[in-house]
Amino acid sequence: MQSNKHFDTIILGSGLGGSTLASILAKHGFSVLLIEKGSHPRFTIGEAMLPESAMWMWIVAERYGIPELKNLTDVKAMRQHVSSGCGVKRLLGFVYHDEGEKQNPDRTHQLISPDFPLTSESHLFRPDVDHYMVKVAQSYGAVYRELTDVREINFHEDYVQVRTKDGEEYTCRFLADGSGFRSLVAEKFNLREKPTRLRTNTRGIFTHVANLPAYDDCVPKEDLPGLSCKWHEGTLHHVFDGGWIWVIPFDNHSLSESPLCSVGMMLNGYKYPNKGLDPEQEFYSIVERFPSIANHLKDLKPVRKWVSTDRIQYSSTKSVGHRFALLSHSQGFIDPLYSRGFVSTFENVHALASRLIEALKDDDFSVERFAYVDRLQTAKLNHNDQLVYNTFRSMSDFSLWNAMTQLWLAYLILSDICLFRSCLKCLSGDRSSAFIDLDKEEPYFMAQAPFTQVFQAVMDGYDALLDEVDAGKMTAEKAANHMLSLLKQSDMLPQSLYPWGDPAARHLDLAANPQLAEPLLFSELDDASLTVLQKLLNVQKPQLAQVK
């Protein structure tokens, strides 16, 4: 085999997961070929971060020595090193709409996160960000081939053979497939579940637009929440019975040079089956039913062609096998709701990279070495499916939606704090222990958290109550009251933080009231982690206030 055609690992697909894995392996001295069917920069969606996704990026960067990845976890570093076209994300905002009626300002929710000392969140302009990470991989020695169409993959006992449309042939010891829905490995081994086990059924319509007015400027001032952040400073969700619309601005802070905003609609396929309509016409036909959404999105100026999809959910029977692994979005996908994509991507890369590095060192690629990666991805996909499926069901009535939003809010806060403590443990000098905890195989990391079993019991209760509503056996109001009661009785989080289970509860502004989160941040920390946290809170990090 020719040395310039043989690699330790070939990675198909140069999205953020593929390029990050390529960077890690190349940094650790392994030869890597990163193959891309298209080219960069390119349009793709999946643009909104969460504190949890930023922390997973930070953890991967810290564990595997990829400091360039940390530039994605800080707004000012992003502008300096990556792109001038990314937005900032200070909040998650949800605005519920009833058909034919002006939006009721009491039917809104804002979660404004505290300024975590390590990371801040952005709206990622993916053409720039993905291209940046490909260049990072190249800087570590990964070989990159774009406009390369792989047509055939053959798995032998001792190597993998890849052939392209142009007749090029490459071989490797291990293949990682990050090519997404059209995964060649999934196709070759017939791994796609048909039909999928996933209950969520949604499809999308989306584009990028220029110079979209802020929602704050489209509603009366007296209808604004009046909190520390505007709707425009984060990810806005317009929610209605049967779907939701994302508004992800890239132009929402002073460091951005972009006039662009990502706008897209996700529709419940059970209520809005695909009838093959023109995507722009269908988008507006739905928007026009909701006066306040129409007022916000009435004069969109698309900068690219509208995209319309069929059902976007897919799943696989397995994600690892003889000399291969599927990355997160090659294994399965749910929906962009709740911005879980980056969490899944980087948690998967974190788990796979350590096992693949050891396998390459040992020249032992037995499937058992990667079994945890498969279990992790399956568990995360099932978890996200249950959450998103029931969220779409709850959109039928605001009382249900409110109950679901409170449960998700509780889970989000607890997940963020749990992962943040792992970051503190790493910084306290106990790096090996912190990473071992994140890599425990039974159960996966977040499932080890004390709150997880409580959350799952409440989530299962919500699921059963929504079944009753769908079957016509219970009214939405009665079911919502039961759902909120389950949440309140669970004691997942203290009432001093937020009045969990109160049907009138709406917003949570932890940026303006950081003291509300301090008991959760400081409780049950070991002395070393507590010292690190106190130092972080006392040292002025690049504050988001500087980039307003």
Protein backbone atom coordinates (compact mmCIF):
# COMPACT_ATOMS: atom_id res chain seq x y z
CA MET A 1 0.00 0.00 0.00
CA GLN A 2 1.34 3.45 -0.88
CA SER A 3 2.08 5.55 2.20
CA ASN A 4 0.34 8.63 0.81
CA LYS A 5 -2.82 6.58 0.29
CA HIS A 6 -2.92 4.77 3.62
CA PHE A 7 -4.02 6.41 6.87
CA ASP A 8 -4.68 5.45 10.43
CA THR A 9 -8.18 6.90 10.18
CA ILE A 10 -10.40 8.17 7.39
CA ILE A 11 -13.22 10.49 8.40
CA LEU A 12 -16.13 11.03 6.02
CA GLY A 13 -17.74 14.46 6.39
CA SER A 14 -16.09 17.69 7.54
CA GLY A 15 -18.78 19.14 9.76
CA LEU A 16 -17.87 20.17 13.29
CA GLY A 17 -17.84 16.59 14.58
CA GLY A 18 -15.65 15.25 11.78
CA SER A 19 -13.17 18.12 11.78
CA THR A 20 -12.87 18.08 15.58
CA LEU A 21 -12.18 14.35 15.63
CA ALA A 22 -9.65 14.83 12.82
CA SER A 23 -7.91 17.56 14.85
CA ILE A 24 -7.71 15.34 17.94
CA LEU A 25 -6.31 12.32 16.14
CA ALA A 26 -3.79 14.36 14.15
CA LYS A 27 -2.70 16.20 17.31
CA HIS A 28 -2.02 12.82 18.92
CA GLY A 29 0.23 11.74 16.08
CA PHE A 30 -2.07 9.66 13.90
CA SER A 31 -2.44 10.04 10.16
CA VAL A 32 -5.91 11.27 9.19
CA LEU A 33 -7.70 11.75 5.89
CA LEU A 34 -10.74 14.01 6.12
CA ILE A 35 -12.99 13.60 3.07
CA GLU A 36 -15.70 16.09 2.12
CA LYS A 37 -18.16 15.58 -0.74
CA GLY A 38 -18.86 19.31 -1.00
CA SER A 39 -16.60 22.25 -0.21
CA HIS A 40 -16.13 25.02 2.34
CA PRO A 41 -17.46 27.52 3.13
CA ARG A 42 -20.92 26.02 2.85
CA PHE A 43 -24.44 26.61 4.14
CA THR A 44 -25.78 24.41 6.90
CA ILE A 45 -28.06 24.89 9.88
CA GLY A 46 -27.61 23.94 13.52
CA GLU A 47 -26.51 27.37 14.69
CA ALA A 48 -27.57 27.96 18.29
CA MET A 49 -25.44 26.96 21.26
CA LEU A 50 -26.38 26.17 24.86
CA PRO A 51 -24.24 26.49 27.99
CA GLU A 52 -24.06 22.68 27.95
CA SER A 53 -22.82 22.52 24.35
CA ALA A 54 -20.24 25.26 25.02
CA MET A 55 -18.98 23.31 28.04
CA TRP A 56 -18.72 20.07 26.07
CA MET A 57 -16.62 21.94 23.50
CA TRP A 58 -14.45 23.30 26.33
CA ILE A 59 -14.06 19.82 27.82
CA VAL A 60 -13.06 18.27 24.48
CA ALA A 61 -10.57 21.10 23.90
CA GLU A 62 -9.11 20.72 27.39
CA ARG A 63 -8.89 16.94 27.42
CA TYR A 64 -7.42 16.47 23.97
CA GLY A 65 -5.29 19.62 23.72
CA ILE A 66 -7.17 21.51 20.99
CA PRO A 67 -7.12 25.12 22.25
CA GLU A 68 -8.51 26.40 18.95
CA LEU A 69 -11.82 24.75 19.80
CA LYS A 70 -12.11 26.95 22.87
CA ASN A 71 -12.45 29.93 20.54
CA LEU A 72 -15.97 28.70 19.80
CA THR A 73 -16.86 28.97 23.48
CA ASP A 74 -16.15 32.67 23.99
CA VAL A 75 -17.85 35.49 22.09
CA LYS A 76 -14.80 37.78 21.93
CA ALA A 77 -12.44 34.97 20.95
CA MET A 78 -14.91 33.95 18.28
CA ARG A 79 -14.77 37.43 16.75
CA GLN A 80 -10.98 37.64 17.00
CA HIS A 81 -10.03 34.20 15.72
CA VAL A 82 -12.97 32.60 13.91
CA SER A 83 -15.56 34.89 12.33
CA SER A 84 -16.97 38.39 12.37
CA GLY A 85 -20.31 36.97 11.29
CA CYS A 86 -21.52 35.16 14.42
CA GLY A 87 -24.21 36.36 16.80
CA VAL A 88 -24.38 36.22 20.57
CA LYS A 89 -26.78 34.09 22.58
CA ARG A 90 -27.71 35.48 25.97
CA LEU A 91 -31.14 33.92 26.30
CA LEU A 92 -33.64 31.35 25.16
CA GLY A 93 -36.97 32.94 24.36
CA PHE A 94 -40.33 31.30 23.65
CA VAL A 95 -43.37 33.24 22.43
CA TYR A 96 -46.62 31.28 22.17
CA HIS A 97 -49.19 32.32 19.55
CA ASP A 98 -52.87 31.54 19.03
CA GLU A 99 -54.20 31.48 15.49
CA GLY A 100 -55.96 34.67 14.42
CA GLU A 101 -55.13 36.54 17.64
CA LYS A 102 -52.59 39.15 18.67
CA GLN A 103 -49.92 37.54 20.81
CA ASN A 104 -50.72 37.55 24.51
CA PRO A 105 -47.57 38.84 26.31
CA ASP A 106 -48.41 36.66 29.31
CA ARG A 107 -47.79 33.61 27.11
CA THR A 108 -44.03 34.02 26.85
CA HIS A 109 -40.98 32.53 28.56
CA GLN A 110 -37.44 33.83 28.82
CA LEU A 111 -34.47 31.98 30.30
CA ILE A 112 -31.52 34.31 30.68
CA SER A 113 -28.53 32.22 31.73
CA PRO A 114 -25.98 33.36 34.27
CA ASP A 115 -22.56 34.33 32.96
CA PHE A 116 -20.72 31.07 33.49
CA PRO A 117 -17.09 31.96 34.23
CA LEU A 118 -15.63 29.62 31.60
CA THR A 119 -17.80 29.94 28.52
CA SER A 120 -20.29 32.07 26.64
CA GLU A 121 -22.66 31.08 23.84
CA SER A 122 -22.88 32.22 20.26
CA HIS A 123 -25.08 31.91 17.22
CA LEU A 124 -22.66 30.12 14.92
CA PHE A 125 -22.49 31.23 11.30
CA ARG A 126 -21.68 27.75 10.14
CA PRO A 127 -20.03 28.56 6.78
CA ASP A 128 -17.27 30.38 8.70
CA VAL A 129 -17.14 28.17 11.79
CA ASP A 130 -17.05 24.84 9.97
CA HIS A 131 -14.36 26.13 7.59
CA TYR A 132 -12.32 27.33 10.57
CA MET A 133 -12.36 23.90 12.19
CA VAL A 134 -11.32 22.22 8.94
CA LYS A 135 -8.31 24.54 8.82
CA VAL A 136 -7.56 23.66 12.44
CA ALA A 137 -7.53 19.97 11.51
CA GLN A 138 -5.18 20.71 8.63
CA SER A 139 -2.88 22.71 10.91
CA TYR A 140 -2.42 19.58 13.04
CA GLY A 141 -1.52 17.53 9.99
CA ALA A 142 -4.83 16.05 8.83
CA VAL A 143 -5.04 15.63 5.05
CA TYR A 144 -8.19 17.25 3.67
CA ARG A 145 -9.85 16.35 0.37
CA GLU A 146 -12.97 18.24 -0.68
CA LEU A 147 -15.20 17.80 -3.73
CA THR A 148 -14.44 14.11 -3.25
CA ASP A 149 -17.36 11.78 -3.81
CA VAL A 150 -16.87 8.42 -2.08
CA ARG A 151 -18.72 5.72 -3.97
CA GLU A 152 -17.53 2.48 -2.38
CA ILE A 153 -16.32 1.32 1.03
CA ASN A 154 -15.02 -2.20 1.64
CA PHE A 155 -14.25 -3.54 5.09
CA HIS A 156 -11.55 -6.18 5.24
CA GLU A 157 -10.20 -8.06 8.23
CA ASP A 158 -7.14 -5.83 8.63
CA TYR A 159 -8.07 -2.57 6.85
CA VAL A 160 -10.79 -0.48 5.23
CA GLN A 161 -10.76 0.44 1.55
CA VAL A 162 -12.38 3.61 0.18
CA ARG A 163 -12.90 4.34 -3.52
CA THR A 164 -14.01 7.69 -4.96
CA LYS A 165 -16.01 8.59 -8.04
CA ASP A 166 -12.76 9.68 -9.75
CA GLY A 167 -11.12 6.32 -9.19
CA GLU A 168 -8.90 7.29 -6.26
CA GLU A 169 -8.37 4.59 -3.67
CA TYR A 170 -7.46 5.07 -0.01
CA THR A 171 -7.07 2.63 2.86
CA CYS A 172 -7.16 3.02 6.63
CA ARG A 173 -7.21 1.11 9.87
CA PHE A 174 -10.46 2.68 11.05
CA LEU A 175 -13.26 4.71 9.44
CA ALA A 176 -15.42 7.32 11.20
CA ASP A 177 -18.53 8.36 9.30
CA GLY A 178 -19.69 11.90 9.95
CA SER A 179 -21.56 12.37 6.69
CA GLY A 180 -24.99 12.60 8.29
CA PHE A 181 -28.29 11.27 7.02
CA ARG A 182 -26.78 9.93 3.78
CA SER A 183 -24.15 7.91 5.63
CA LEU A 184 -22.47 5.47 3.28
CA VAL A 185 -21.69 3.11 6.15
CA ALA A 186 -25.31 3.09 7.28
CA GLU A 187 -26.36 2.37 3.71
CA LYS A 188 -23.77 -0.36 3.19
CA PHE A 189 -24.76 -2.30 6.29
CA ASN A 190 -28.46 -1.44 6.09
CA LEU A 191 -28.31 0.20 9.52
CA ARG A 192 -31.22 2.60 9.13
CA GLU A 193 -34.33 1.58 11.06
CA LYS A 194 -37.23 1.42 8.61
CA PRO A 195 -39.55 2.58 9.94
CA THR A 196 -37.66 4.49 12.59
CA ARG A 197 -38.53 3.82 16.22
CA LEU A 198 -38.54 7.58 16.84
CA ARG A 199 -41.89 9.13 17.68
CA THR A 200 -41.05 12.70 16.71
CA ASN A 201 -42.24 13.46 13.17
CA THR A 202 -41.25 16.88 11.87
CA ARG A 203 -40.12 18.58 8.70
CA GLY A 204 -38.47 21.92 8.03
CA ILE A 205 -38.53 25.06 5.89
CA PHE A 206 -35.62 27.49 6.30
CA THR A 207 -33.24 30.06 4.84
CA HIS A 208 -31.00 32.99 5.79
CA VAL A 209 -32.35 36.53 5.52
CA ALA A 210 -30.86 40.01 5.72
CA ASN A 211 -31.72 42.96 7.95
CA LEU A 212 -34.58 41.35 9.88
CA PRO A 213 -36.00 43.76 12.49
CA ALA A 214 -35.70 42.71 16.11
CA TYR A 215 -38.90 41.25 17.54
CA ASP A 216 -38.55 43.78 20.36
CA ASP A 217 -39.20 46.53 17.79
CA CYS A 218 -42.28 44.82 16.40
CA VAL A 219 -44.40 44.69 19.55
CA PRO A 220 -45.64 47.44 21.91
CA LYS A 221 -43.14 48.32 24.63
CA GLU A 222 -45.66 47.46 27.32
CA ASP A 223 -45.76 43.88 25.95
CA LEU A 224 -42.02 43.30 26.49
CA PRO A 225 -40.88 41.28 29.54
CA GLY A 226 -38.62 44.11 30.70
CA LEU A 227 -35.79 41.80 31.80
CA SER A 228 -32.03 42.28 31.47
CA CYS A 229 -31.92 41.07 27.85
CA LYS A 230 -33.99 41.74 24.77
CA TRP A 231 -35.55 38.97 22.67
CA HIS A 232 -33.06 39.91 19.93
CA GLU A 233 -30.09 39.04 22.15
CA GLY A 234 -30.77 35.32 21.99
CA THR A 235 -32.55 32.53 20.17
CA LEU A 236 -36.22 33.35 19.66
CA HIS A 237 -38.85 30.64 19.18
CA HIS A 238 -42.29 31.53 17.85
CA VAL A 239 -44.45 28.59 19.01
CA PHE A 240 -47.92 27.57 17.81
CA ASP A 241 -50.12 24.50 17.64
CA GLY A 242 -48.29 22.20 15.25
CA GLY A 243 -44.89 23.83 15.03
CA TRP A 244 -42.37 26.50 15.84
CA ILE A 245 -40.20 29.07 14.08
CA TRP A 246 -36.61 29.84 14.99
CA VAL A 247 -35.11 33.30 14.69
CA ILE A 248 -31.34 33.20 15.17
CA PRO A 249 -29.72 36.60 14.54
CA PHE A 250 -26.06 36.92 13.62
CA ASP A 251 -26.23 40.72 13.81
CA ASN A 252 -27.23 41.16 17.46
CA HIS A 253 -24.09 42.60 19.05
CA SER A 254 -21.52 45.29 18.36
CA LEU A 255 -18.68 42.97 17.31
CA SER A 256 -20.66 41.36 14.50
CA GLU A 257 -20.28 42.60 10.96
CA SER A 258 -23.12 40.46 9.64
CA PRO A 259 -26.57 41.67 8.54
CA LEU A 260 -27.90 38.11 8.49
CA CYS A 261 -30.38 36.07 10.49
CA SER A 262 -31.34 32.40 10.27
CA VAL A 263 -35.09 31.82 10.02
CA GLY A 264 -36.73 28.43 9.86
CA MET A 265 -39.97 26.62 10.60
CA MET A 266 -40.38 23.11 11.97
CA LEU A 267 -43.79 21.52 11.41
CA ASN A 268 -45.39 18.57 13.13
CA GLY A 269 -45.78 16.03 10.34
CA TYR A 270 -48.87 14.56 11.99
CA LYS A 271 -50.65 17.93 11.72
CA TYR A 272 -48.89 19.41 8.69
CA PRO A 273 -48.14 16.57 6.25
CA ASN A 274 -45.92 17.48 3.32
CA LYS A 275 -48.04 18.30 0.28
CA GLY A 276 -45.17 19.34 -1.97
CA LEU A 277 -45.89 23.08 -1.83
CA ASP A 278 -43.37 25.77 -2.72
CA PRO A 279 -41.41 26.26 0.55
CA GLU A 280 -41.65 30.05 0.64
CA GLN A 281 -45.36 30.02 -0.14
CA GLU A 282 -46.03 27.38 2.51
CA PHE A 283 -43.97 29.30 5.07
CA TYR A 284 -46.01 32.46 4.57
CA SER A 285 -49.32 30.60 4.37
CA ILE A 286 -48.73 29.47 7.96
CA VAL A 287 -47.13 32.68 9.24
CA GLU A 288 -50.10 34.73 8.06
CA ARG A 289 -52.39 32.85 10.46
CA PHE A 290 -50.64 34.46 13.43
CA PRO A 291 -50.79 38.29 13.37
CA SER A 292 -47.80 38.95 15.62
CA ILE A 293 -45.54 36.50 13.77
CA ALA A 294 -46.67 37.98 10.46
CA ASN A 295 -45.81 41.45 11.72
CA HIS A 296 -42.32 40.29 12.63
CA LEU A 297 -41.58 38.22 9.51
CA LYS A 298 -43.67 40.00 6.88
CA ASP A 299 -40.83 41.44 4.80
CA LEU A 300 -38.13 38.79 4.83
CA LYS A 301 -35.22 39.37 2.46
CA PRO A 302 -33.80 35.90 1.73
CA VAL A 303 -30.15 35.81 0.69
CA ARG A 304 -30.37 32.23 -0.51
CA LYS A 305 -32.96 29.82 -1.84
CA TRP A 306 -35.54 28.48 0.61
CA VAL A 307 -34.99 24.85 1.65
CA SER A 308 -37.80 22.41 2.37
CA THR A 309 -37.31 18.94 3.83
CA ASP A 310 -39.31 15.78 4.24
CA ARG A 311 -39.39 14.16 7.66
CA ILE A 312 -35.98 14.72 9.25
CA GLN A 313 -35.99 11.96 11.91
CA TYR A 314 -33.86 8.87 11.36
CA SER A 315 -32.20 6.27 13.55
CA SER A 316 -29.87 3.30 13.26
CA THR A 317 -29.78 -0.21 14.63
CA LYS A 318 -26.20 0.39 15.78
CA SER A 319 -23.47 3.01 15.44
CA VAL A 320 -20.29 0.94 15.75
CA GLY A 321 -19.02 -2.17 14.01
CA HIS A 322 -15.93 -3.82 12.58
CA ARG A 323 -13.47 -0.93 12.07
CA PHE A 324 -16.12 1.79 11.92
CA ALA A 325 -18.13 4.23 14.00
CA LEU A 326 -20.96 6.57 13.06
CA LEU A 327 -20.70 10.07 14.47
CA SER A 328 -23.76 11.55 16.15
CA HIS A 329 -25.67 12.87 13.14
CA SER A 330 -24.83 9.84 11.05
CA GLN A 331 -26.37 7.63 13.72
CA GLY A 332 -29.63 9.57 14.09
CA PHE A 333 -31.34 12.93 14.44
CA ILE A 334 -34.45 14.34 16.11
CA ASP A 335 -35.18 18.06 15.63
CA PRO A 336 -33.36 21.38 16.16
CA LEU A 337 -35.74 22.25 19.01
CA TYR A 338 -33.83 22.91 22.25
CA SER A 339 -30.52 23.10 20.35
CA ARG A 340 -29.41 19.62 21.43
CA GLY A 341 -27.37 18.90 18.29
CA PHE A 342 -24.05 20.33 19.46
CA VAL A 343 -24.40 18.60 22.83
CA SER A 344 -24.82 15.24 21.09
CA THR A 345 -21.99 15.93 18.63
CA PHE A 346 -19.33 16.86 21.16
CA GLU A 347 -20.35 14.36 23.82
CA ASN A 348 -20.00 11.68 21.14
CA VAL A 349 -16.62 12.98 19.97
CA HIS A 350 -15.44 13.07 23.58
CA ALA A 351 -16.40 9.42 24.12
CA LEU A 352 -15.18 8.12 20.77
CA ALA A 353 -11.81 9.91 20.65
CA SER A 354 -10.37 8.38 23.83
CA ARG A 355 -11.34 4.86 22.76
CA LEU A 356 -10.11 5.33 19.20
CA ILE A 357 -6.75 6.70 20.34
CA GLU A 358 -6.19 3.62 22.50
CA ALA A 359 -7.38 1.29 19.74
CA LEU A 360 -4.94 2.86 17.28
CA LYS A 361 -2.10 2.51 19.80
CA ASP A 362 -2.96 -1.14 20.45
CA ASP A 363 -3.91 -1.92 16.86
CA ASP A 364 -7.01 -3.53 18.32
CA PHE A 365 -10.36 -2.43 16.89
CA SER A 366 -12.62 -5.01 18.45
CA VAL A 367 -16.20 -3.82 18.50
CA GLU A 368 -16.39 -4.25 22.27
CA ARG A 369 -13.95 -1.37 22.73
CA PHE A 370 -16.50 1.00 21.21
CA ALA A 371 -19.67 -0.52 22.66
CA TYR A 372 -20.09 2.36 25.12
CA VAL A 373 -20.21 4.87 22.26
CA ASP A 374 -23.12 2.95 20.77
CA ARG A 375 -24.97 2.78 24.10
CA LEU A 376 -24.36 6.47 24.74
CA GLN A 377 -25.70 7.56 21.36
CA THR A 378 -28.73 5.30 21.60
CA ALA A 379 -29.59 6.57 25.08
CA LYS A 380 -29.18 10.22 24.10
CA LEU A 381 -31.26 9.80 20.95
CA ASN A 382 -34.08 8.10 22.86
CA HIS A 383 -33.96 10.78 25.57
CA ASN A 384 -34.14 13.63 23.06
CA ASP A 385 -36.92 11.92 21.13
CA GLN A 386 -39.13 11.59 24.21
CA LEU A 387 -38.50 15.21 25.18
CA VAL A 388 -39.11 16.68 21.72
CA TYR A 389 -42.07 14.43 20.83
CA ASN A 390 -43.90 15.44 23.98
CA THR A 391 -42.98 19.06 23.49
CA PHE A 392 -44.62 19.06 20.06
CA ARG A 393 -47.68 17.43 21.58
CA SER A 394 -47.79 20.12 24.27
CA MET A 395 -47.90 22.86 21.63
CA SER A 396 -51.62 22.15 21.11
CA ASP A 397 -52.55 24.22 24.18
CA PHE A 398 -50.66 26.89 26.11
CA SER A 399 -51.36 25.31 29.49
CA LEU A 400 -49.63 22.12 28.31
CA TRP A 401 -46.84 24.10 26.69
CA ASN A 402 -46.25 26.03 29.90
CA ALA A 403 -45.97 22.82 31.93
CA MET A 404 -43.55 21.30 29.42
CA THR A 405 -41.43 24.44 29.28
CA GLN A 406 -41.03 24.46 33.06
CA LEU A 407 -39.88 20.83 33.06
CA TRP A 408 -37.39 21.43 30.27
CA LEU A 409 -36.13 24.56 32.03
CA ALA A 410 -35.43 22.54 35.19
CA TYR A 411 -33.57 19.86 33.25
CA LEU A 412 -31.52 22.46 31.38
CA ILE A 413 -30.37 24.22 34.56
CA LEU A 414 -29.47 20.98 36.31
CA SER A 415 -27.57 19.65 33.28
CA ASP A 416 -25.59 22.88 32.96
CA ILE A 417 -24.59 22.89 36.62
CA CYS A 418 -23.68 19.20 36.58
CA LEU A 419 -21.34 19.67 33.62
CA PHE A 420 -19.93 22.91 35.01
CA ARG A 421 -18.85 21.04 38.14
CA SER A 422 -16.89 18.63 35.94
CA CYS A 423 -15.12 21.60 34.39
CA LEU A 424 -14.26 22.90 37.87
CA LYS A 425 -12.92 19.49 38.85
CA CYS A 426 -10.69 19.53 35.78
CA LEU A 427 -9.35 22.99 36.63
CA SER A 428 -8.79 22.05 40.28
CA GLY A 429 -5.97 19.80 39.17
CA ASP A 430 -7.90 16.55 39.29
CA ARG A 431 -7.97 16.24 35.51
CA SER A 432 -7.75 12.46 35.26
CA SER A 433 -10.57 11.95 37.77
CA ALA A 434 -12.78 14.51 36.03
CA PHE A 435 -12.35 12.84 32.66
CA ILE A 436 -12.84 9.36 34.10
CA ASP A 437 -16.15 10.51 35.60
CA LEU A 438 -17.23 11.82 32.19
CA ASP A 439 -16.27 8.52 30.59
CA LYS A 440 -17.87 6.09 33.02
CA GLU A 441 -19.55 3.46 30.94
CA GLU A 442 -22.46 2.45 33.15
CA PRO A 443 -24.48 4.56 33.03
CA TYR A 444 -23.41 7.43 30.75
CA PHE A 445 -22.31 10.65 32.45
CA MET A 446 -25.54 12.66 32.72
CA ALA A 447 -27.46 9.54 33.76
CA GLN A 448 -25.21 9.37 36.84
CA ALA A 449 -26.52 12.72 38.10
CA PRO A 450 -28.89 12.45 41.09
CA PHE A 451 -31.59 14.48 39.36
CA THR A 452 -31.76 12.28 36.25
CA GLN A 453 -33.96 9.53 37.68
CA VAL A 454 -36.31 12.10 39.17
CA PHE A 455 -36.52 13.93 35.84
CA GLN A 456 -37.21 10.69 33.99
CA ALA A 457 -40.06 9.77 36.34
CA VAL A 458 -41.64 13.20 35.82
CA MET A 459 -41.08 12.99 32.06
CA ASP A 460 -42.77 9.59 31.94
CA GLY A 461 -45.68 11.06 33.89
CA TYR A 462 -45.97 13.91 31.37
CA ASP A 463 -45.87 11.38 28.55
CA ALA A 464 -48.79 9.39 30.02
CA LEU A 465 -50.87 12.50 30.66
CA LEU A 466 -50.38 13.73 27.10
CA ASP A 467 -51.54 10.29 25.92
CA GLU A 468 -54.75 10.90 27.87
CA VAL A 469 -55.20 14.29 26.17
CA ASP A 470 -54.60 12.85 22.72
CA ALA A 471 -57.12 10.07 23.40
CA GLY A 472 -59.74 12.62 24.43
CA LYS A 473 -59.88 11.20 27.97
CA MET A 474 -58.63 14.34 29.71
CA THR A 475 -58.80 18.07 29.05
CA ALA A 476 -55.61 19.99 28.37
CA GLU A 477 -56.13 22.15 31.45
CA LYS A 478 -56.58 19.18 33.77
CA ALA A 479 -53.57 17.39 32.30
CA ALA A 480 -51.44 20.53 32.63
CA ASN A 481 -52.37 20.87 36.29
CA HIS A 482 -51.34 17.27 36.90
CA MET A 483 -48.08 17.83 35.00
CA LEU A 484 -47.20 20.90 37.05
CA SER A 485 -48.07 19.04 40.25
CA LEU A 486 -45.66 16.24 39.30
CA LEU A 487 -42.93 18.81 38.71
CA LYS A 488 -43.55 20.65 41.97
CA GLN A 489 -43.63 17.45 44.04
CA SER A 490 -40.40 16.20 42.47
CA ASP A 491 -38.28 18.81 44.29
CA MET A 492 -35.73 18.68 41.48
CA LEU A 493 -34.86 22.32 42.12
CA PRO A 494 -35.55 24.69 45.02
CA GLN A 495 -38.59 26.97 44.92
CA SER A 496 -36.25 29.83 45.84
CA LEU A 497 -34.82 29.62 42.32
CA TYR A 498 -38.13 29.51 40.45
CA PRO A 499 -41.73 28.73 41.47
CA TRP A 500 -41.74 25.29 39.87
CA GLY A 501 -45.25 23.99 39.26
CA ASP A 502 -46.88 27.42 39.48
CA PRO A 503 -49.01 27.90 36.31
CA ALA A 504 -48.26 31.65 36.47
CA ALA A 505 -44.47 31.20 36.45
CA ARG A 506 -42.77 32.45 33.29
CA HIS A 507 -39.35 34.07 33.14
CA LEU A 508 -36.05 33.34 34.88
CA ASP A 509 -33.36 36.03 34.66
CA LEU A 510 -30.18 34.59 36.18
CA ALA A 511 -27.99 37.28 34.64
CA ALA A 512 -29.77 39.99 36.62
CA ASN A 513 -30.14 37.75 39.68
CA PRO A 514 -27.03 35.53 39.80
CA GLN A 515 -27.48 35.02 43.53
CA LEU A 516 -30.42 32.74 42.73
CA ALA A 517 -28.05 30.21 41.16
CA GLU A 518 -25.23 30.50 43.69
CA PRO A 519 -26.59 27.86 46.12
CA LEU A 520 -26.66 25.35 43.28
CA LEU A 521 -23.20 26.31 42.05
CA PHE A 522 -21.55 26.13 45.46
CA SER A 523 -23.35 23.18 47.06
CA GLU A 524 -21.57 19.83 47.41
CA LEU A 525 -18.32 21.04 45.80
CA ASP A 526 -15.07 19.59 47.08
CA ASP A 527 -12.60 22.09 48.52
CA ALA A 528 -10.39 22.22 45.42
CA SER A 529 -13.32 22.87 43.07
CA LEU A 530 -14.73 25.46 45.46
CA THR A 531 -11.42 27.32 45.43
CA VAL A 532 -11.36 27.30 41.61
CA LEU A 533 -14.93 28.60 41.44
CA GLN A 534 -14.22 31.42 43.88
CA LYS A 535 -11.18 32.46 41.84
CA LEU A 536 -13.15 32.37 38.61
CA LEU A 537 -15.92 34.49 40.05
CA ASN A 538 -13.42 37.03 41.38
CA VAL A 539 -11.42 37.36 38.17
CA GLN A 540 -12.98 39.49 35.47
CA LYS A 541 -13.44 37.35 32.38
CA PRO A 542 -14.43 38.87 29.01
CA GLN A 543 -17.94 39.93 29.97
CA LEU A 544 -20.77 39.78 27.46
CA ALA A 545 -21.72 43.29 28.51
CA GLN A 546 -18.65 44.50 26.62
CA VAL A 547 -20.03 43.32 23.29
CA LYS A 548 -23.53 44.77 23.45
